[in-house]
């Protein structure tokens, strides 16, 4: 076997960030990736027609730009970024649309006067308090210093209201602050990226953060596709002396005397002098690669309570000409959310969470070629479409029996907002939740978030109550994936936080 200070299982963004920070600290690091291409859910490919480049999974990186990882790994200079004149839009109907412009003042101007003022007040709160809160929520728990900064910025008298905001449904915040349905949808549309309905408790942090990050950071995309971000992260690892090896499926974590000492692969494996770190799902790591017999019963009981969110139905379209939106203002938007009103959003999320294919699904429509024309031939465009669905639809019993019909539902909903869309389609690629999981085993049930965003699956409960600081019951074995705190989204903080925990444990001779 080869030997390294740290072996990292999986080359998703969290695994690569952890590898980069450990290698920069002077550790020898080997990253093992089962697929033939590194990057996890940060990938691009010509899925439809030659010359049309599509992001396979993640696509927009506002959260990454708001993360400390972005500056620390110098990702601003390592690849070229493109931005949009209008980062985000939300459509209640083909006629009723709200648009987030690149400048908050322009966003407010587009809204009704009262709602425009409410948007500016929310932006002021974000600048004063919310950005500190996001940092606290992404930091290792307990995040004492970041939480102190939040308290100081908010003021002690505001803390009870702030705490209540974090556990209330986003639709309650939207209804209390905005009058028009489109404005309410704009502040709430981030909920469509999670499995938490707008009427469910605990939906505010994710939805509000996505809305405010879109306003303050935009929806940046890498020129040349998401794969450029993966390549940049790999370059950081290799420049620091680490190795990223693809086509190496880890079959077992080697445990000796209660300590992880390496991993096995079909070709042999790698011994670890200090730590094994997994950018995988918790059950895949601990039940499959380690073995339940090595885990305490209480931990196993907690692990069984870890649950994944709804799946994703993914459609990529190659178009001749742009998307023919009935509202031309949407032509410049990076991400268009076809939401319906708040009640419709709640109903779609409820259906998806209860095994029912939504009749009016919330669609997240990405228009990368608006900002990055290099992704399509001259005159061509791409559309990137996601919507939350059951991992397995109950009525049909399988996606094989449902995919074609549900694709028509998606295209009908899209064409209601963009008449004539079908006539412009020159190629399409459709992937169901089982197909997404087959491509990437970390996307269990087609869940791109690597675990539910529900309140009982966050913070100190993720992935197992009491085990929220990346360590596992097996000494020297750590979990850095999005299944650990702070959860889904490409921000790299799971990898960053985990690497710092590993370095701290090494200094204290705990591993």
Protein backbone atom coordinates (compact mmCIF):
# COMPACT_ATOMS: atom_id res chain seq x y z
CA UNK A 1 0.00 0.00 0.00
CA UNK A 2 0.93 3.62 -0.54
CA UNK A 3 1.10 5.80 2.57
CA UNK A 4 -0.06 9.34 3.32
CA UNK A 5 -0.74 11.43 6.39
CA UNK A 6 -4.38 11.75 5.33
CA UNK A 7 -6.51 9.74 2.94
CA UNK A 8 -9.65 11.44 1.63
CA UNK A 9 -12.46 9.35 0.21
CA UNK A 10 -14.24 11.27 -2.54
CA UNK A 11 -13.32 14.38 -4.52
CA UNK A 12 -16.43 16.50 -4.14
CA UNK A 13 -15.83 20.17 -3.30
CA UNK A 14 -15.71 19.49 0.45
CA UNK A 15 -13.20 16.70 0.01
CA UNK A 16 -11.00 18.86 -2.21
CA UNK A 17 -11.18 21.83 0.18
CA UNK A 18 -10.20 19.58 3.11
CA UNK A 19 -7.35 18.14 1.07
CA UNK A 20 -6.10 21.58 0.09
CA UNK A 21 -6.03 22.90 3.64
CA UNK A 22 -4.33 19.80 5.03
CA UNK A 23 -1.74 19.83 2.25
CA UNK A 24 -1.08 23.52 2.87
CA UNK A 25 -0.49 22.63 6.52
CA UNK A 26 2.33 20.33 5.41
CA UNK A 27 0.49 16.99 5.43
CA UNK A 28 0.90 14.45 2.66
CA UNK A 29 -2.61 13.95 1.27
CA UNK A 30 -4.12 11.45 -1.16
CA UNK A 31 -7.64 11.92 -2.50
CA UNK A 32 -9.27 8.78 -3.92
CA UNK A 33 -12.19 9.24 -6.33
CA UNK A 34 -14.23 6.33 -7.63
CA UNK A 35 -15.34 8.07 -10.81
CA UNK A 36 -13.05 8.71 -13.74
CA UNK A 37 -13.40 12.49 -13.30
CA UNK A 38 -12.84 14.33 -10.02
CA UNK A 39 -15.19 17.00 -8.69
CA UNK A 40 -18.22 15.15 -7.31
CA UNK A 41 -21.33 17.19 -8.11
CA UNK A 42 -19.28 19.94 -9.78
CA UNK A 43 -19.22 18.70 -13.37
CA UNK A 44 -19.98 19.77 -16.93
CA UNK A 45 -20.55 17.76 -20.09
CA UNK A 46 -22.09 17.88 -23.54
CA UNK A 47 -25.25 16.08 -22.47
CA UNK A 48 -27.49 16.95 -25.41
CA UNK A 49 -25.80 17.97 -28.65
CA UNK A 50 -22.16 18.61 -29.63
CA UNK A 51 -21.09 22.10 -28.65
CA UNK A 52 -23.73 22.53 -25.93
CA UNK A 53 -22.06 22.40 -22.52
CA UNK A 54 -24.33 21.66 -19.54
CA UNK A 55 -23.62 21.68 -15.80
CA UNK A 56 -24.53 18.18 -14.68
CA UNK A 57 -25.48 19.02 -11.07
CA UNK A 58 -24.53 22.26 -9.28
CA UNK A 59 -24.33 25.37 -11.40
CA UNK A 60 -24.49 28.70 -9.53
CA UNK A 61 -22.02 29.71 -6.84
CA UNK A 62 -23.25 32.68 -4.85
CA UNK A 63 -22.83 30.79 -1.57
CA UNK A 64 -19.25 29.94 -2.49
CA UNK A 65 -18.51 33.61 -3.11
CA UNK A 66 -19.95 34.41 0.33
CA UNK A 67 -17.87 31.67 1.98
CA UNK A 68 -14.43 32.24 3.57
CA UNK A 69 -13.19 29.39 1.37
CA UNK A 70 -13.47 31.57 -1.73
CA UNK A 71 -10.83 34.04 -0.55
CA UNK A 72 -8.69 31.52 1.30
CA UNK A 73 -8.20 29.34 -1.79
CA UNK A 74 -7.98 32.38 -4.10
CA UNK A 75 -10.76 31.11 -6.32
CA UNK A 76 -11.39 34.60 -7.64
CA UNK A 77 -8.14 34.55 -9.60
CA UNK A 78 -7.91 30.85 -10.40
CA UNK A 79 -10.80 30.85 -12.87
CA UNK A 80 -12.84 33.38 -14.77
CA UNK A 81 -16.30 34.16 -13.42
CA UNK A 82 -19.33 35.46 -15.31
CA UNK A 83 -22.26 37.30 -13.74
CA UNK A 84 -25.78 38.34 -14.68
CA UNK A 85 -27.50 41.72 -14.96
CA UNK A 86 -30.42 40.09 -13.13
CA UNK A 87 -29.20 37.29 -10.85
CA UNK A 88 -32.62 35.88 -9.86
CA UNK A 89 -36.28 36.14 -10.80
CA UNK A 90 -39.49 34.64 -9.42
CA UNK A 91 -42.66 34.17 -11.47
CA UNK A 92 -46.03 33.71 -9.78
CA UNK A 93 -47.63 33.54 -13.24
CA UNK A 94 -46.50 34.40 -16.78
CA UNK A 95 -47.58 37.99 -16.14
CA UNK A 96 -46.68 38.40 -12.46
CA UNK A 97 -42.91 38.48 -12.07
CA UNK A 98 -40.41 39.96 -9.62
CA UNK A 99 -36.74 40.37 -10.52
CA UNK A 100 -33.65 40.76 -8.37
CA UNK A 101 -31.32 43.12 -10.19
CA UNK A 102 -27.59 43.32 -9.60
CA UNK A 103 -28.08 46.48 -7.50
CA UNK A 104 -30.53 46.49 -4.60
CA UNK A 105 -31.80 49.96 -5.53
CA UNK A 106 -32.83 48.67 -8.97
CA UNK A 107 -34.53 45.66 -7.42
CA UNK A 108 -36.49 47.95 -5.13
CA UNK A 109 -37.40 50.23 -8.04
CA UNK A 110 -38.92 47.28 -9.93
CA UNK A 111 -41.15 46.36 -6.96
CA UNK A 112 -44.15 48.32 -5.76
CA UNK A 113 -43.13 51.26 -3.59
CA UNK A 114 -43.94 49.62 -0.23
CA UNK A 115 -42.39 46.32 -1.24
CA UNK A 116 -39.34 48.09 -2.63
CA UNK A 117 -38.81 49.79 0.71
CA UNK A 118 -39.25 46.45 2.48
CA UNK A 119 -36.61 44.89 0.22
CA UNK A 120 -34.14 47.67 0.99
CA UNK A 121 -34.80 47.28 4.71
CA UNK A 122 -34.13 43.55 4.41
CA UNK A 123 -30.89 44.28 2.55
CA UNK A 124 -29.85 46.73 5.26
CA UNK A 125 -30.56 44.10 7.92
CA UNK A 126 -28.51 41.59 5.95
CA UNK A 127 -25.54 43.93 5.74
CA UNK A 128 -25.80 44.78 9.43
CA UNK A 129 -26.70 41.36 10.90
CA UNK A 130 -27.55 38.68 8.35
CA UNK A 131 -24.10 38.23 6.84
CA UNK A 132 -22.69 37.65 10.33
CA UNK A 133 -25.49 35.17 10.95
CA UNK A 134 -24.61 33.24 7.78
CA UNK A 135 -20.99 33.05 8.93
CA UNK A 136 -22.12 31.74 12.32
CA UNK A 137 -24.37 29.13 10.72
CA UNK A 138 -21.53 27.86 8.51
CA UNK A 139 -18.88 27.84 11.24
CA UNK A 140 -18.02 24.80 13.38
CA UNK A 141 -20.40 24.31 16.30
CA UNK A 142 -20.50 25.69 18.90
CA UNK A 143 -19.64 28.86 16.98
CA UNK A 144 -19.04 31.10 19.99
CA UNK A 145 -17.08 33.94 18.42
CA UNK A 146 -19.27 34.23 15.28
CA UNK A 147 -22.39 34.07 17.45
CA UNK A 148 -21.01 36.85 19.65
CA UNK A 149 -20.54 38.97 16.52
CA UNK A 150 -24.18 38.33 15.58
CA UNK A 151 -25.36 39.35 19.04
CA UNK A 152 -23.25 42.48 19.00
CA UNK A 153 -24.44 43.45 15.51
CA UNK A 154 -28.12 42.78 16.26
CA UNK A 155 -28.21 44.17 19.77
CA UNK A 156 -29.35 42.16 22.75
CA UNK A 157 -32.93 43.36 22.52
CA UNK A 158 -33.24 42.03 18.96
CA UNK A 159 -31.97 38.54 19.79
CA UNK A 160 -35.35 37.01 20.75
CA UNK A 161 -36.88 38.24 17.49
CA UNK A 162 -33.85 37.01 15.58
CA UNK A 163 -34.14 33.57 17.17
CA UNK A 164 -37.84 33.37 16.31
CA UNK A 165 -37.09 34.36 12.71
CA UNK A 166 -34.73 31.41 12.35
CA UNK A 167 -37.39 28.83 13.23
CA UNK A 168 -40.43 30.34 11.52
CA UNK A 169 -41.65 29.37 8.03
CA UNK A 170 -40.42 31.61 5.24
CA UNK A 171 -43.99 32.25 4.06
CA UNK A 172 -44.75 33.95 7.37
CA UNK A 173 -41.80 36.30 6.96
CA UNK A 174 -42.79 36.98 3.35
CA UNK A 175 -46.44 37.73 4.20
CA UNK A 176 -45.52 39.97 7.11
CA UNK A 177 -43.07 42.13 5.12
CA UNK A 178 -44.37 42.16 1.53
CA UNK A 179 -47.75 42.88 -0.04
CA UNK A 180 -47.48 41.67 -3.64
CA UNK A 181 -47.41 37.96 -4.40
CA UNK A 182 -44.43 38.34 -6.73
CA UNK A 183 -42.37 40.11 -4.08
CA UNK A 184 -43.27 37.38 -1.60
CA UNK A 185 -42.18 34.76 -4.12
CA UNK A 186 -38.88 36.57 -4.73
CA UNK A 187 -37.87 36.50 -1.09
CA UNK A 188 -39.10 32.90 -0.69
CA UNK A 189 -37.95 31.28 -3.94
CA UNK A 190 -34.77 29.96 -2.33
CA UNK A 191 -37.00 27.39 -0.61
CA UNK A 192 -37.38 25.69 -3.97
CA UNK A 193 -33.72 24.60 -3.66
CA UNK A 194 -34.44 22.55 -0.52
CA UNK A 195 -36.95 19.93 0.62
CA UNK A 196 -38.44 22.29 3.23
CA UNK A 197 -41.77 23.77 2.18
CA UNK A 198 -42.40 27.49 2.55
CA UNK A 199 -44.97 26.72 5.26
CA UNK A 200 -42.63 24.52 7.33
CA UNK A 201 -40.74 25.72 10.42
CA UNK A 202 -37.04 26.39 9.98
CA UNK A 203 -37.22 27.43 6.36
CA UNK A 204 -36.08 31.02 6.84
CA UNK A 205 -32.27 30.58 7.15
CA UNK A 206 -31.75 28.82 3.82
CA UNK A 207 -34.36 30.72 1.79
CA UNK A 208 -33.43 34.14 3.13
CA UNK A 209 -29.70 33.48 2.77
CA UNK A 210 -30.14 32.48 -0.88
CA UNK A 211 -32.22 35.59 -1.60
CA UNK A 212 -29.76 37.94 0.05
CA UNK A 213 -26.67 36.22 -1.33
CA UNK A 214 -28.21 36.54 -4.81
CA UNK A 215 -28.69 40.27 -4.18
CA UNK A 216 -25.25 40.92 -2.71
CA UNK A 217 -23.07 38.34 -4.49
CA UNK A 218 -25.08 37.66 -7.64
CA UNK A 219 -25.30 34.17 -9.17
CA UNK A 220 -21.72 33.79 -10.45
CA UNK A 221 -20.84 30.95 -12.81
CA UNK A 222 -17.42 29.76 -14.00
CA UNK A 223 -16.72 30.60 -17.62
CA UNK A 224 -16.40 27.27 -19.39
CA UNK A 225 -18.69 25.35 -17.08
CA UNK A 226 -18.78 24.06 -13.51
CA UNK A 227 -15.93 21.70 -14.35
CA UNK A 228 -13.59 24.73 -14.27
CA UNK A 229 -14.30 25.10 -10.55
CA UNK A 230 -13.45 21.44 -9.96
CA UNK A 231 -10.24 21.87 -11.95
CA UNK A 232 -9.31 24.93 -9.88
CA UNK A 233 -9.84 23.06 -6.61
CA UNK A 234 -7.76 20.13 -7.86
CA UNK A 235 -5.01 22.57 -8.82
CA UNK A 236 -4.97 24.02 -5.29
CA UNK A 237 -4.54 20.50 -3.86
CA UNK A 238 -1.77 19.57 -6.26
CA UNK A 239 0.09 22.88 -5.88
CA UNK A 240 0.23 22.20 -2.14
CA UNK A 241 1.69 18.74 -2.75
CA UNK A 242 -1.44 16.60 -2.54
CA UNK A 243 -2.55 13.90 -4.98
CA UNK A 244 -5.97 13.37 -6.57
CA UNK A 245 -6.37 9.87 -8.00
CA UNK A 246 -9.46 8.94 -10.03
CA UNK A 247 -10.94 5.54 -10.85
CA UNK A 248 -10.23 4.29 -7.32
CA UNK A 249 -13.34 2.92 -5.62
CA UNK A 250 -12.80 2.54 -1.89
CA UNK A 251 -14.17 -0.82 -0.74
CA UNK A 252 -13.28 -0.72 2.95
CA UNK A 253 -11.93 1.53 5.67
CA UNK A 254 -9.20 -0.38 7.49
CA UNK A 255 -9.73 -0.20 11.26
CA UNK A 256 -7.12 -1.56 13.67
CA UNK A 257 -7.46 -1.28 17.41
CA UNK A 258 -10.47 0.99 17.05
CA UNK A 259 -8.57 3.44 14.81
CA UNK A 260 -8.88 4.10 11.05
CA UNK A 261 -5.46 3.40 9.55
CA UNK A 262 -6.19 3.39 5.83
CA UNK A 263 -8.50 2.31 3.05
CA UNK A 264 -8.67 -0.59 0.64
CA UNK A 265 -9.44 -0.39 -3.07
CA UNK A 266 -9.56 -2.97 -5.82
CA UNK A 267 -5.98 -2.01 -6.70
CA UNK A 268 -4.67 -2.13 -3.14
CA UNK A 269 -5.25 0.97 -1.08
CA UNK A 270 -3.54 3.66 0.97
CA UNK A 271 -2.35 3.57 4.58
CA UNK A 272 -2.94 6.72 6.63
CA UNK A 273 -0.49 7.88 9.25
CA UNK A 274 -2.94 10.35 10.79
CA UNK A 275 -6.51 10.41 9.48
CA UNK A 276 -9.08 9.09 7.04
CA UNK A 277 -11.61 11.72 5.90
CA UNK A 278 -14.74 10.86 3.93
CA UNK A 279 -16.61 13.08 1.52
CA UNK A 280 -19.44 10.52 1.39
CA UNK A 281 -22.83 9.83 2.89
CA UNK A 282 -22.72 8.81 6.57
CA UNK A 283 -24.39 5.44 6.08
CA UNK A 284 -22.22 4.60 3.10
CA UNK A 285 -19.15 5.34 5.20
CA UNK A 286 -20.04 3.85 8.55
CA UNK A 287 -22.35 0.97 7.66
CA UNK A 288 -20.82 -0.13 4.36
CA UNK A 289 -17.11 0.80 4.52
CA UNK A 290 -16.56 0.46 8.28
CA UNK A 291 -19.21 -1.99 9.49
CA UNK A 292 -21.98 -1.64 12.05
CA UNK A 293 -20.25 -4.06 14.41
CA UNK A 294 -17.62 -1.39 15.12
CA UNK A 295 -20.13 1.32 16.05
CA UNK A 296 -21.82 2.02 19.41
CA UNK A 297 -25.51 1.14 19.48
CA UNK A 298 -26.49 4.69 20.42
CA UNK A 299 -24.65 6.09 17.41
CA UNK A 300 -26.27 3.54 15.12
CA UNK A 301 -29.69 4.50 16.46
CA UNK A 302 -28.97 8.15 15.69
CA UNK A 303 -27.62 7.29 12.26
CA UNK A 304 -30.86 5.53 11.38
CA UNK A 305 -32.68 8.83 12.02
CA UNK A 306 -30.59 10.62 9.40
CA UNK A 307 -32.78 11.12 6.36
CA UNK A 308 -32.40 12.38 2.86
CA UNK A 309 -34.58 15.01 1.25
CA UNK A 310 -36.67 14.81 -1.87
CA UNK A 311 -35.09 13.88 -5.17
CA UNK A 312 -34.41 16.04 -8.21
CA UNK A 313 -35.86 15.64 -11.69
CA UNK A 314 -33.21 17.18 -13.94
CA UNK A 315 -33.75 18.41 -17.49
CA UNK A 316 -31.08 19.94 -19.71
CA UNK A 317 -32.16 21.57 -22.97
CA UNK A 318 -30.19 22.72 -25.98
CA UNK A 319 -32.03 25.54 -27.72
CA UNK A 320 -31.79 27.27 -31.08
CA UNK A 321 -32.15 30.85 -29.93
CA UNK A 322 -32.87 31.94 -26.36
CA UNK A 323 -35.76 30.96 -24.16
CA UNK A 324 -38.85 32.83 -25.53
CA UNK A 325 -40.06 34.28 -22.23
CA UNK A 326 -43.40 36.09 -22.37
CA UNK A 327 -41.82 38.67 -20.03
CA UNK A 328 -38.71 39.90 -21.84
CA UNK A 329 -37.13 41.09 -18.57
CA UNK A 330 -36.42 37.40 -17.83
CA UNK A 331 -34.02 37.18 -20.78
CA UNK A 332 -31.21 38.61 -18.62
CA UNK A 333 -31.91 36.54 -15.49
CA UNK A 334 -29.44 33.92 -14.32
CA UNK A 335 -31.98 31.79 -12.47
CA UNK A 336 -35.72 32.01 -13.08
CA UNK A 337 -37.92 30.40 -10.42
CA UNK A 338 -41.37 29.37 -11.65
CA UNK A 339 -43.00 29.20 -8.26
CA UNK A 340 -46.66 30.12 -8.31
CA UNK A 341 -47.89 31.86 -5.17
CA UNK A 342 -46.92 30.82 -1.65
CA UNK A 343 -49.80 28.36 -1.38
CA UNK A 344 -48.76 26.72 -4.64
CA UNK A 345 -45.18 26.48 -3.41
CA UNK A 346 -46.31 24.81 -0.21
CA UNK A 347 -48.48 22.35 -2.12
CA UNK A 348 -45.69 21.36 -4.54
CA UNK A 349 -43.23 20.72 -1.69
CA UNK A 350 -45.84 18.75 0.28
CA UNK A 351 -46.60 16.53 -2.71
CA UNK A 352 -42.94 15.85 -3.46
CA UNK A 353 -42.29 15.00 0.20
CA UNK A 354 -45.22 12.58 0.30
CA UNK A 355 -44.48 10.54 -2.79
CA UNK A 356 -46.74 12.46 -5.19
CA UNK A 357 -45.57 14.02 -8.44
CA UNK A 358 -46.58 17.70 -8.25
CA UNK A 359 -49.13 18.83 -10.82
CA UNK A 360 -47.62 22.33 -10.77
CA UNK A 361 -43.97 21.73 -9.83
CA UNK A 362 -41.70 24.58 -8.82
CA UNK A 363 -39.11 24.88 -11.57
CA UNK A 364 -35.61 26.28 -11.14
CA UNK A 365 -34.48 27.38 -14.61
CA UNK A 366 -30.84 28.32 -15.17
CA UNK A 367 -29.73 30.32 -18.22
CA UNK A 368 -25.95 30.01 -18.09
CA UNK A 369 -25.38 30.97 -21.72
CA UNK A 370 -26.83 34.43 -21.06
CA UNK A 371 -23.62 35.25 -19.16
CA UNK A 372 -21.30 32.66 -20.73
CA UNK A 373 -21.99 32.30 -24.48
CA UNK A 374 -19.02 29.94 -24.82
CA UNK A 375 -21.23 27.10 -23.61
CA UNK A 376 -23.22 26.87 -26.87
CA UNK A 377 -22.67 27.35 -30.62
CA UNK A 378 -23.42 30.76 -32.12
CA UNK A 379 -27.15 31.38 -31.85
CA UNK A 380 -27.60 28.54 -29.38
CA UNK A 381 -28.47 28.54 -25.70
CA UNK A 382 -28.83 26.06 -22.86
CA UNK A 383 -31.45 25.69 -20.15
CA UNK A 384 -30.71 23.93 -16.84
CA UNK A 385 -33.92 22.84 -15.10
CA UNK A 386 -34.40 21.28 -11.67
CA UNK A 387 -37.51 20.45 -9.71
CA UNK A 388 -38.06 18.56 -6.47
CA UNK A 389 -39.87 15.24 -6.79
CA UNK A 390 -40.28 12.03 -4.78
CA UNK A 391 -37.31 9.67 -4.95
CA UNK A 392 -39.90 7.05 -5.94
CA UNK A 393 -43.38 8.17 -7.06
CA UNK A 394 -45.95 6.15 -5.14
CA UNK A 395 -48.67 5.96 -7.76
CA UNK A 396 -46.50 4.61 -10.57
CA UNK A 397 -44.11 2.69 -8.33
CA UNK A 398 -41.08 3.61 -10.43
CA UNK A 399 -39.60 6.43 -12.45
CA UNK A 400 -39.43 4.24 -15.54
CA UNK A 401 -43.22 4.46 -15.72
CA UNK A 402 -43.38 8.18 -14.86
CA UNK A 403 -40.47 9.98 -16.50
CA UNK A 404 -41.98 10.68 -19.92
CA UNK A 405 -45.29 11.93 -18.55
CA UNK A 406 -43.63 14.14 -15.93
CA UNK A 407 -41.32 15.61 -18.57
CA UNK A 408 -44.45 16.79 -20.38
CA UNK A 409 -45.66 18.38 -17.12
CA UNK A 410 -42.36 20.23 -16.77
CA UNK A 411 -42.27 21.40 -20.38
CA UNK A 412 -45.94 22.44 -20.29
CA UNK A 413 -45.28 24.54 -17.19
CA UNK A 414 -42.21 26.08 -18.77
CA UNK A 415 -43.96 26.76 -22.06
CA UNK A 416 -46.78 28.58 -20.26
CA UNK A 417 -44.12 31.16 -19.34
CA UNK A 418 -42.18 30.83 -22.61
CA UNK A 419 -44.62 30.20 -25.50
CA UNK A 420 -43.01 28.36 -28.39
CA UNK A 421 -40.24 26.83 -26.31
CA UNK A 422 -40.69 23.33 -27.70
CA UNK A 423 -40.09 24.55 -31.24
CA UNK A 424 -36.63 25.77 -30.21
CA UNK A 425 -35.44 22.54 -28.56
CA UNK A 426 -32.68 20.83 -30.55
CA UNK A 427 -31.65 18.39 -27.83
CA UNK A 428 -32.69 17.23 -24.38
CA UNK A 429 -31.24 15.17 -21.54
CA UNK A 430 -33.50 13.95 -18.74
CA UNK A 431 -32.36 12.34 -15.50
CA UNK A 432 -34.55 10.97 -12.74
CA UNK A 433 -33.56 10.54 -9.07
CA UNK A 434 -32.43 6.89 -9.56
CA UNK A 435 -30.32 7.92 -12.53
CA UNK A 436 -28.67 10.73 -10.56
CA UNK A 437 -27.82 8.30 -7.75
CA UNK A 438 -26.44 5.79 -10.28
CA UNK A 439 -24.14 8.51 -11.63
CA UNK A 440 -23.04 9.66 -8.17
CA UNK A 441 -23.71 7.39 -5.16
CA UNK A 442 -23.61 10.41 -2.82
CA UNK A 443 -26.86 11.66 -4.40
CA UNK A 444 -28.98 9.17 -2.48
CA UNK A 445 -32.51 9.12 -3.86
CA UNK A 446 -31.51 11.96 -6.18
CA UNK A 447 -31.05 14.36 -3.23
CA UNK A 448 -28.52 16.99 -4.31
CA UNK A 449 -28.40 18.37 -0.75
CA UNK A 450 -26.93 15.15 0.73
CA UNK A 451 -29.56 15.17 3.48
CA UNK A 452 -32.78 16.89 4.39
CA UNK A 453 -32.74 20.60 5.20
CA UNK A 454 -35.48 20.12 7.79
CA UNK A 455 -34.92 21.67 11.20
CA UNK A 456 -34.39 18.34 12.97
CA UNK A 457 -31.62 17.45 10.49
CA UNK A 458 -29.52 20.60 10.94
CA UNK A 459 -26.87 22.02 13.28
CA UNK A 460 -26.24 19.75 16.30
CA UNK A 461 -28.43 17.03 14.76
CA UNK A 462 -26.42 16.61 11.55
CA UNK A 463 -25.60 13.84 10.83
CA UNK A 464 -26.13 12.32 14.29
CA UNK A 465 -27.14 14.19 17.47
CA UNK A 466 -23.99 14.87 19.46
CA UNK A 467 -21.69 14.07 16.51
CA UNK A 468 -21.83 17.37 14.66
CA UNK A 469 -18.12 18.22 14.71
CA UNK A 470 -16.96 15.86 11.91
CA UNK A 471 -15.46 13.12 14.11
CA UNK A 472 -17.03 9.64 14.18
CA UNK A 473 -16.94 6.90 16.86
CA UNK A 474 -13.98 5.40 15.00
CA UNK A 475 -10.79 7.17 16.04
CA UNK A 476 -9.07 9.14 13.24
CA UNK A 477 -12.11 8.77 10.94
CA UNK A 478 -13.92 11.97 9.96
CA UNK A 479 -16.90 12.96 7.81
CA UNK A 480 -16.55 16.17 5.76
CA UNK A 481 -19.39 15.85 3.24
CA UNK A 482 -22.56 17.93 2.87
CA UNK A 483 -24.22 15.30 5.07
CA UNK A 484 -22.33 16.94 7.95
CA UNK A 485 -22.80 20.50 9.25
CA UNK A 486 -23.38 23.01 7.64
CA UNK A 487 -25.13 20.94 5.00
CA UNK A 488 -25.85 21.23 1.30
CA UNK A 489 -24.69 23.79 -1.23
CA UNK A 490 -21.28 24.35 -2.80
CA UNK A 491 -19.56 26.53 -0.21
CA UNK A 492 -16.75 24.24 0.93
CA UNK A 493 -17.29 24.88 4.63
CA UNK A 494 -17.84 21.22 5.48
CA UNK A 495 -14.36 20.49 4.15
CA UNK A 496 -12.83 23.60 5.71
CA UNK A 497 -14.32 22.99 9.15
CA UNK A 498 -13.41 19.32 9.09
CA UNK A 499 -9.79 20.00 8.08
CA UNK A 500 -9.40 22.41 10.99
CA UNK A 501 -10.88 19.84 13.37
CA UNK A 502 -8.40 17.22 12.13
CA UNK A 503 -5.46 19.62 12.50
CA UNK A 504 -6.63 20.56 15.99
CA UNK A 505 -6.96 16.93 17.04
CA UNK A 506 -3.47 16.21 15.70
CA UNK A 507 -1.99 19.09 17.72
CA UNK A 508 -3.69 17.72 20.85
CA UNK A 509 -2.48 14.18 20.05
CA UNK A 510 -6.07 12.89 19.83
CA UNK A 511 -5.24 10.98 16.65
